[in-house]
N, C-alpha and C. Protein backbone atom coordinates (compact mmCIF):
# COMPACT_ATOMS: atom_id res chain seq x y z
N MET A 1 12.53 -6.53 -12.10
CA MET A 1 11.44 -6.47 -11.16
C MET A 1 11.02 -7.89 -10.76
N ALA A 2 10.93 -8.79 -11.73
CA ALA A 2 10.48 -10.15 -11.43
C ALA A 2 11.45 -10.85 -10.48
N ARG A 3 12.76 -10.69 -10.71
CA ARG A 3 13.75 -11.32 -9.83
C ARG A 3 13.63 -10.79 -8.41
N LEU A 4 13.51 -9.48 -8.28
CA LEU A 4 13.40 -8.86 -6.97
C LEU A 4 12.12 -9.31 -6.27
N ALA A 5 11.02 -9.35 -7.00
CA ALA A 5 9.75 -9.80 -6.43
C ALA A 5 9.84 -11.25 -5.96
N ALA A 6 10.52 -12.09 -6.74
CA ALA A 6 10.67 -13.49 -6.36
C ALA A 6 11.45 -13.64 -5.06
N GLU A 7 12.34 -12.72 -4.80
CA GLU A 7 13.16 -12.76 -3.58
C GLU A 7 12.44 -12.19 -2.37
N SER A 8 11.30 -11.53 -2.58
CA SER A 8 10.62 -10.86 -1.46
C SER A 8 9.13 -11.19 -1.42
N GLU A 9 8.81 -12.47 -1.63
CA GLU A 9 7.43 -12.95 -1.50
C GLU A 9 6.45 -12.21 -2.42
N SER A 10 6.91 -11.76 -3.58
CA SER A 10 6.10 -11.05 -4.58
C SER A 10 5.65 -9.67 -4.12
N VAL A 11 6.38 -9.08 -3.16
CA VAL A 11 6.01 -7.78 -2.60
C VAL A 11 7.15 -6.78 -2.83
N LEU A 12 6.82 -5.65 -3.44
CA LEU A 12 7.79 -4.58 -3.66
C LEU A 12 7.21 -3.26 -3.18
N ASP A 13 8.09 -2.38 -2.73
CA ASP A 13 7.63 -1.04 -2.37
C ASP A 13 8.13 -0.04 -3.41
N LEU A 14 7.75 1.22 -3.24
CA LEU A 14 8.14 2.24 -4.22
C LEU A 14 9.65 2.35 -4.38
N ASP A 15 10.39 2.22 -3.28
CA ASP A 15 11.85 2.27 -3.38
C ASP A 15 12.37 1.15 -4.27
N ASP A 16 11.83 -0.06 -4.08
CA ASP A 16 12.23 -1.20 -4.92
C ASP A 16 11.92 -0.92 -6.38
N LEU A 17 10.71 -0.44 -6.64
CA LEU A 17 10.27 -0.19 -8.01
C LEU A 17 11.09 0.92 -8.66
N ARG A 18 11.41 1.95 -7.91
CA ARG A 18 12.25 3.03 -8.45
C ARG A 18 13.64 2.49 -8.75
N GLY A 19 14.13 1.59 -7.90
CA GLY A 19 15.42 0.96 -8.14
C GLY A 19 15.43 0.12 -9.41
N CYS A 20 14.26 -0.33 -9.83
CA CYS A 20 14.12 -1.08 -11.09
C CYS A 20 13.91 -0.15 -12.27
N GLY A 21 13.89 1.18 -12.00
CA GLY A 21 13.77 2.15 -13.08
C GLY A 21 12.36 2.64 -13.35
N PHE A 22 11.40 2.32 -12.48
CA PHE A 22 10.02 2.75 -12.69
C PHE A 22 9.76 4.10 -12.04
N SER A 23 9.15 4.99 -12.79
CA SER A 23 8.73 6.28 -12.25
C SER A 23 7.41 6.10 -11.50
N GLN A 24 6.99 7.13 -10.78
CA GLN A 24 5.69 7.10 -10.10
C GLN A 24 4.57 6.86 -11.11
N TRP A 25 4.67 7.53 -12.26
CA TRP A 25 3.66 7.36 -13.31
C TRP A 25 3.62 5.91 -13.80
N ALA A 26 4.79 5.30 -13.99
CA ALA A 26 4.85 3.91 -14.47
C ALA A 26 4.24 2.95 -13.44
N VAL A 27 4.48 3.22 -12.16
CA VAL A 27 3.89 2.40 -11.09
C VAL A 27 2.37 2.54 -11.12
N GLN A 28 1.88 3.76 -11.20
CA GLN A 28 0.43 3.98 -11.24
C GLN A 28 -0.21 3.31 -12.45
N ARG A 29 0.45 3.39 -13.59
CA ARG A 29 -0.08 2.76 -14.79
C ARG A 29 -0.15 1.25 -14.63
N ARG A 30 0.88 0.64 -14.08
CA ARG A 30 0.87 -0.81 -13.86
C ARG A 30 -0.19 -1.21 -12.83
N ALA A 31 -0.43 -0.36 -11.86
CA ALA A 31 -1.49 -0.64 -10.89
C ALA A 31 -2.86 -0.59 -11.57
N ARG A 32 -3.08 0.40 -12.43
CA ARG A 32 -4.35 0.47 -13.17
C ARG A 32 -4.53 -0.73 -14.09
N GLN A 33 -3.45 -1.22 -14.64
CA GLN A 33 -3.51 -2.36 -15.56
C GLN A 33 -3.65 -3.70 -14.83
N GLY A 34 -3.55 -3.68 -13.51
CA GLY A 34 -3.66 -4.92 -12.75
C GLY A 34 -2.37 -5.72 -12.68
N ARG A 35 -1.25 -5.08 -12.98
CA ARG A 35 0.05 -5.76 -12.89
C ARG A 35 0.69 -5.55 -11.52
N LEU A 36 0.31 -4.48 -10.84
CA LEU A 36 0.70 -4.23 -9.45
C LEU A 36 -0.58 -4.07 -8.64
N HIS A 37 -0.59 -4.62 -7.44
CA HIS A 37 -1.79 -4.57 -6.59
C HIS A 37 -1.40 -3.96 -5.24
N ARG A 38 -2.03 -2.84 -4.91
CA ARG A 38 -1.70 -2.11 -3.69
C ARG A 38 -2.07 -2.94 -2.46
N ILE A 39 -1.10 -3.15 -1.60
CA ILE A 39 -1.32 -3.85 -0.33
C ILE A 39 -1.42 -2.81 0.79
N HIS A 40 -0.45 -1.93 0.85
CA HIS A 40 -0.43 -0.79 1.76
C HIS A 40 0.04 0.40 0.93
N GLU A 41 -0.07 1.59 1.49
CA GLU A 41 0.40 2.77 0.77
C GLU A 41 1.86 2.59 0.39
N GLY A 42 2.14 2.65 -0.91
CA GLY A 42 3.51 2.52 -1.39
C GLY A 42 4.05 1.10 -1.43
N VAL A 43 3.19 0.11 -1.19
CA VAL A 43 3.61 -1.30 -1.17
C VAL A 43 2.67 -2.09 -2.07
N TYR A 44 3.25 -2.89 -2.97
CA TYR A 44 2.46 -3.57 -3.99
C TYR A 44 2.81 -5.05 -4.08
N ALA A 45 1.81 -5.85 -4.39
CA ALA A 45 2.02 -7.23 -4.80
C ALA A 45 2.22 -7.22 -6.30
N VAL A 46 3.16 -7.99 -6.77
CA VAL A 46 3.49 -8.02 -8.19
C VAL A 46 2.75 -9.18 -8.86
N GLY A 47 1.95 -8.84 -9.87
CA GLY A 47 1.30 -9.85 -10.69
C GLY A 47 -0.06 -10.30 -10.23
N HIS A 48 -0.25 -10.44 -8.95
CA HIS A 48 -1.52 -10.92 -8.41
C HIS A 48 -1.67 -10.44 -6.97
N PRO A 49 -2.91 -10.27 -6.50
CA PRO A 49 -3.12 -9.74 -5.15
C PRO A 49 -3.07 -10.80 -4.05
N ASN A 50 -2.99 -12.07 -4.40
CA ASN A 50 -3.06 -13.15 -3.41
C ASN A 50 -1.68 -13.53 -2.91
N ILE A 51 -1.14 -12.73 -2.03
CA ILE A 51 0.20 -13.00 -1.51
C ILE A 51 0.12 -13.98 -0.34
N SER A 52 1.23 -14.62 -0.09
CA SER A 52 1.32 -15.58 1.01
C SER A 52 1.28 -14.86 2.36
N THR A 53 1.16 -15.62 3.41
CA THR A 53 1.22 -15.03 4.75
C THR A 53 2.56 -14.35 4.96
N LYS A 54 3.64 -14.98 4.54
CA LYS A 54 4.95 -14.34 4.66
C LYS A 54 4.99 -13.06 3.82
N GLY A 55 4.31 -13.06 2.69
CA GLY A 55 4.21 -11.85 1.87
C GLY A 55 3.51 -10.73 2.62
N ARG A 56 2.49 -11.08 3.39
CA ARG A 56 1.80 -10.07 4.21
C ARG A 56 2.75 -9.48 5.24
N PHE A 57 3.61 -10.33 5.82
CA PHE A 57 4.59 -9.85 6.80
C PHE A 57 5.59 -8.91 6.13
N VAL A 58 6.06 -9.28 4.95
CA VAL A 58 7.00 -8.44 4.20
C VAL A 58 6.34 -7.11 3.86
N ALA A 59 5.09 -7.15 3.39
CA ALA A 59 4.37 -5.93 3.02
C ALA A 59 4.20 -5.00 4.21
N ALA A 60 3.84 -5.54 5.35
CA ALA A 60 3.66 -4.71 6.55
C ALA A 60 4.98 -4.08 6.99
N THR A 61 6.05 -4.86 6.93
CA THR A 61 7.36 -4.33 7.32
C THR A 61 7.80 -3.23 6.35
N LYS A 62 7.58 -3.43 5.05
CA LYS A 62 7.94 -2.41 4.07
C LYS A 62 7.08 -1.15 4.26
N ALA A 63 5.82 -1.30 4.64
CA ALA A 63 4.94 -0.15 4.86
C ALA A 63 5.41 0.70 6.03
N CYS A 64 6.14 0.10 6.96
CA CYS A 64 6.58 0.81 8.17
C CYS A 64 8.08 1.14 8.13
N LYS A 65 8.66 1.14 6.93
CA LYS A 65 10.07 1.49 6.79
C LYS A 65 10.30 2.91 7.23
N PRO A 66 11.45 3.29 7.67
CA PRO A 66 12.65 2.48 7.78
C PRO A 66 12.85 1.87 9.16
N PHE A 67 11.98 2.17 10.10
CA PHE A 67 12.24 1.77 11.48
C PHE A 67 11.38 0.63 11.98
N GLY A 68 10.40 0.18 11.22
CA GLY A 68 9.49 -0.86 11.68
C GLY A 68 10.13 -2.24 11.65
N ALA A 69 9.74 -3.05 12.62
CA ALA A 69 10.25 -4.43 12.70
C ALA A 69 9.08 -5.36 12.99
N LEU A 70 9.02 -6.47 12.29
CA LEU A 70 8.01 -7.49 12.55
C LEU A 70 8.12 -7.90 14.00
N SER A 71 6.99 -8.08 14.68
CA SER A 71 7.07 -8.38 16.11
C SER A 71 5.92 -9.24 16.59
N HIS A 72 6.01 -9.63 17.83
CA HIS A 72 5.00 -10.38 18.55
C HIS A 72 4.62 -11.68 17.82
N ARG A 73 3.34 -11.96 17.73
CA ARG A 73 2.88 -13.23 17.12
C ARG A 73 3.26 -13.33 15.66
N ALA A 74 3.36 -12.21 14.97
CA ALA A 74 3.75 -12.24 13.55
C ALA A 74 5.18 -12.78 13.40
N THR A 75 6.08 -12.39 14.28
CA THR A 75 7.44 -12.92 14.23
C THR A 75 7.45 -14.41 14.51
N ALA A 76 6.70 -14.84 15.50
CA ALA A 76 6.63 -16.27 15.82
C ALA A 76 6.10 -17.07 14.62
N ALA A 77 5.11 -16.53 13.94
CA ALA A 77 4.57 -17.22 12.76
C ALA A 77 5.58 -17.19 11.61
N PHE A 78 6.25 -16.06 11.41
CA PHE A 78 7.26 -15.96 10.35
C PHE A 78 8.36 -17.00 10.55
N LEU A 79 8.76 -17.19 11.81
CA LEU A 79 9.80 -18.16 12.14
C LEU A 79 9.26 -19.58 12.28
N GLU A 80 7.95 -19.73 12.04
CA GLU A 80 7.26 -21.02 12.10
C GLU A 80 7.33 -21.64 13.49
N ILE A 81 7.31 -20.77 14.51
CA ILE A 81 7.26 -21.22 15.90
C ILE A 81 5.81 -21.49 16.30
N GLN A 82 4.90 -20.71 15.77
CA GLN A 82 3.47 -20.94 16.00
C GLN A 82 2.72 -20.70 14.71
N GLU A 83 1.53 -21.26 14.62
CA GLU A 83 0.70 -21.11 13.44
C GLU A 83 0.09 -19.72 13.41
N TRP A 84 -0.03 -19.15 12.22
CA TRP A 84 -0.62 -17.82 12.07
C TRP A 84 -2.13 -17.96 11.97
N THR A 85 -2.83 -17.18 12.77
CA THR A 85 -4.28 -17.06 12.62
C THR A 85 -4.54 -15.66 12.10
N GLU A 86 -5.51 -15.53 11.23
CA GLU A 86 -5.75 -14.25 10.58
C GLU A 86 -5.98 -13.15 11.61
N ARG A 87 -5.18 -12.14 11.53
CA ARG A 87 -5.25 -10.95 12.37
C ARG A 87 -4.38 -9.89 11.73
N ASP A 88 -4.38 -8.70 12.29
CA ASP A 88 -3.49 -7.66 11.79
C ASP A 88 -2.04 -8.07 12.06
N VAL A 89 -1.16 -7.74 11.14
CA VAL A 89 0.26 -8.02 11.30
C VAL A 89 0.83 -7.04 12.32
N GLU A 90 1.61 -7.54 13.24
CA GLU A 90 2.18 -6.70 14.31
C GLU A 90 3.57 -6.21 13.93
N ILE A 91 3.74 -4.91 14.03
CA ILE A 91 5.01 -4.25 13.72
C ILE A 91 5.34 -3.34 14.90
N THR A 92 6.59 -3.37 15.34
CA THR A 92 7.03 -2.47 16.39
C THR A 92 7.83 -1.34 15.75
N VAL A 93 7.50 -0.12 16.15
CA VAL A 93 8.15 1.09 15.65
C VAL A 93 8.62 1.91 16.84
N PRO A 94 9.51 2.88 16.60
CA PRO A 94 9.93 3.75 17.71
C PRO A 94 8.77 4.58 18.24
N ARG A 95 8.84 4.93 19.50
CA ARG A 95 7.87 5.89 20.05
C ARG A 95 7.94 7.16 19.22
N GLY A 96 6.81 7.79 19.02
CA GLY A 96 6.77 9.01 18.23
C GLY A 96 6.31 8.78 16.80
N ILE A 97 6.32 7.54 16.34
CA ILE A 97 5.78 7.22 15.01
C ILE A 97 4.29 7.01 15.19
N ASN A 98 3.50 7.86 14.58
CA ASN A 98 2.06 7.80 14.80
C ASN A 98 1.27 7.46 13.54
N ARG A 99 1.94 7.15 12.47
CA ARG A 99 1.26 6.83 11.22
C ARG A 99 0.64 5.45 11.31
N GLU A 100 -0.65 5.39 11.03
CA GLU A 100 -1.38 4.12 11.09
C GLU A 100 -1.54 3.52 9.70
N HIS A 101 -1.65 2.20 9.64
CA HIS A 101 -1.86 1.48 8.38
C HIS A 101 -2.97 0.44 8.61
N ALA A 102 -3.91 0.38 7.71
CA ALA A 102 -4.94 -0.64 7.80
C ALA A 102 -4.29 -2.02 7.71
N GLY A 103 -4.71 -2.93 8.56
CA GLY A 103 -4.17 -4.28 8.55
C GLY A 103 -2.87 -4.45 9.30
N ILE A 104 -2.39 -3.37 9.94
CA ILE A 104 -1.15 -3.44 10.71
C ILE A 104 -1.43 -2.92 12.12
N GLN A 105 -1.07 -3.72 13.10
CA GLN A 105 -1.17 -3.29 14.49
C GLN A 105 0.21 -2.81 14.92
N LEU A 106 0.31 -1.52 15.20
CA LEU A 106 1.59 -0.95 15.60
C LEU A 106 1.78 -1.05 17.10
N HIS A 107 2.98 -1.44 17.48
CA HIS A 107 3.43 -1.38 18.87
C HIS A 107 4.55 -0.36 18.88
N ARG A 108 4.61 0.45 19.91
CA ARG A 108 5.65 1.47 19.99
C ARG A 108 6.58 1.15 21.14
N SER A 109 7.87 1.35 20.88
CA SER A 109 8.88 0.99 21.88
C SER A 109 9.95 2.06 21.96
N SER A 110 10.39 2.32 23.16
CA SER A 110 11.52 3.23 23.34
C SER A 110 12.84 2.51 23.10
N LEU A 111 12.80 1.20 22.91
CA LEU A 111 14.02 0.44 22.65
C LEU A 111 14.46 0.54 21.19
N ILE A 112 13.55 0.95 20.32
CA ILE A 112 13.88 1.21 18.92
C ILE A 112 13.93 2.72 18.77
N THR A 113 15.02 3.22 18.23
CA THR A 113 15.15 4.67 18.10
C THR A 113 15.37 5.05 16.65
N PHE A 114 15.18 6.30 16.35
CA PHE A 114 15.34 6.81 14.98
C PHE A 114 16.77 6.66 14.51
N GLY A 115 17.73 6.76 15.41
CA GLY A 115 19.14 6.66 15.02
C GLY A 115 19.66 5.24 15.02
N GLY A 116 18.83 4.28 15.44
CA GLY A 116 19.25 2.90 15.46
C GLY A 116 19.96 2.48 16.72
N THR A 117 20.26 3.45 17.63
CA THR A 117 20.88 3.12 18.89
C THR A 117 20.03 3.65 20.02
N ARG A 118 20.17 3.09 21.14
CA ARG A 118 19.36 3.50 22.28
C ARG A 118 20.04 4.58 23.06
């Protein structure tokens, strides 16, 4: 888990944690103990809740799996093209995805499809 977290800005989702052998119960227990910190539904910071800006981008993208993509000003900040100012992280998802997440501004596009092709 520590190696995987180090590779992803200290952010793991349930799929990552299950891949490390953790059950839902084990994840919940670690969250209660303060070893995992919920960022979005099914997305956790490992060890501490103070993740980097890039960690926030990773968390938002993981929250919008499997079709979400970092977009707009968030992408420019991730690529260090422009400075990030605190705002909701922008993620583009296919049209028809209506699930909302606190701290994430969803953009919907017909250019992203469920099958990965247009």
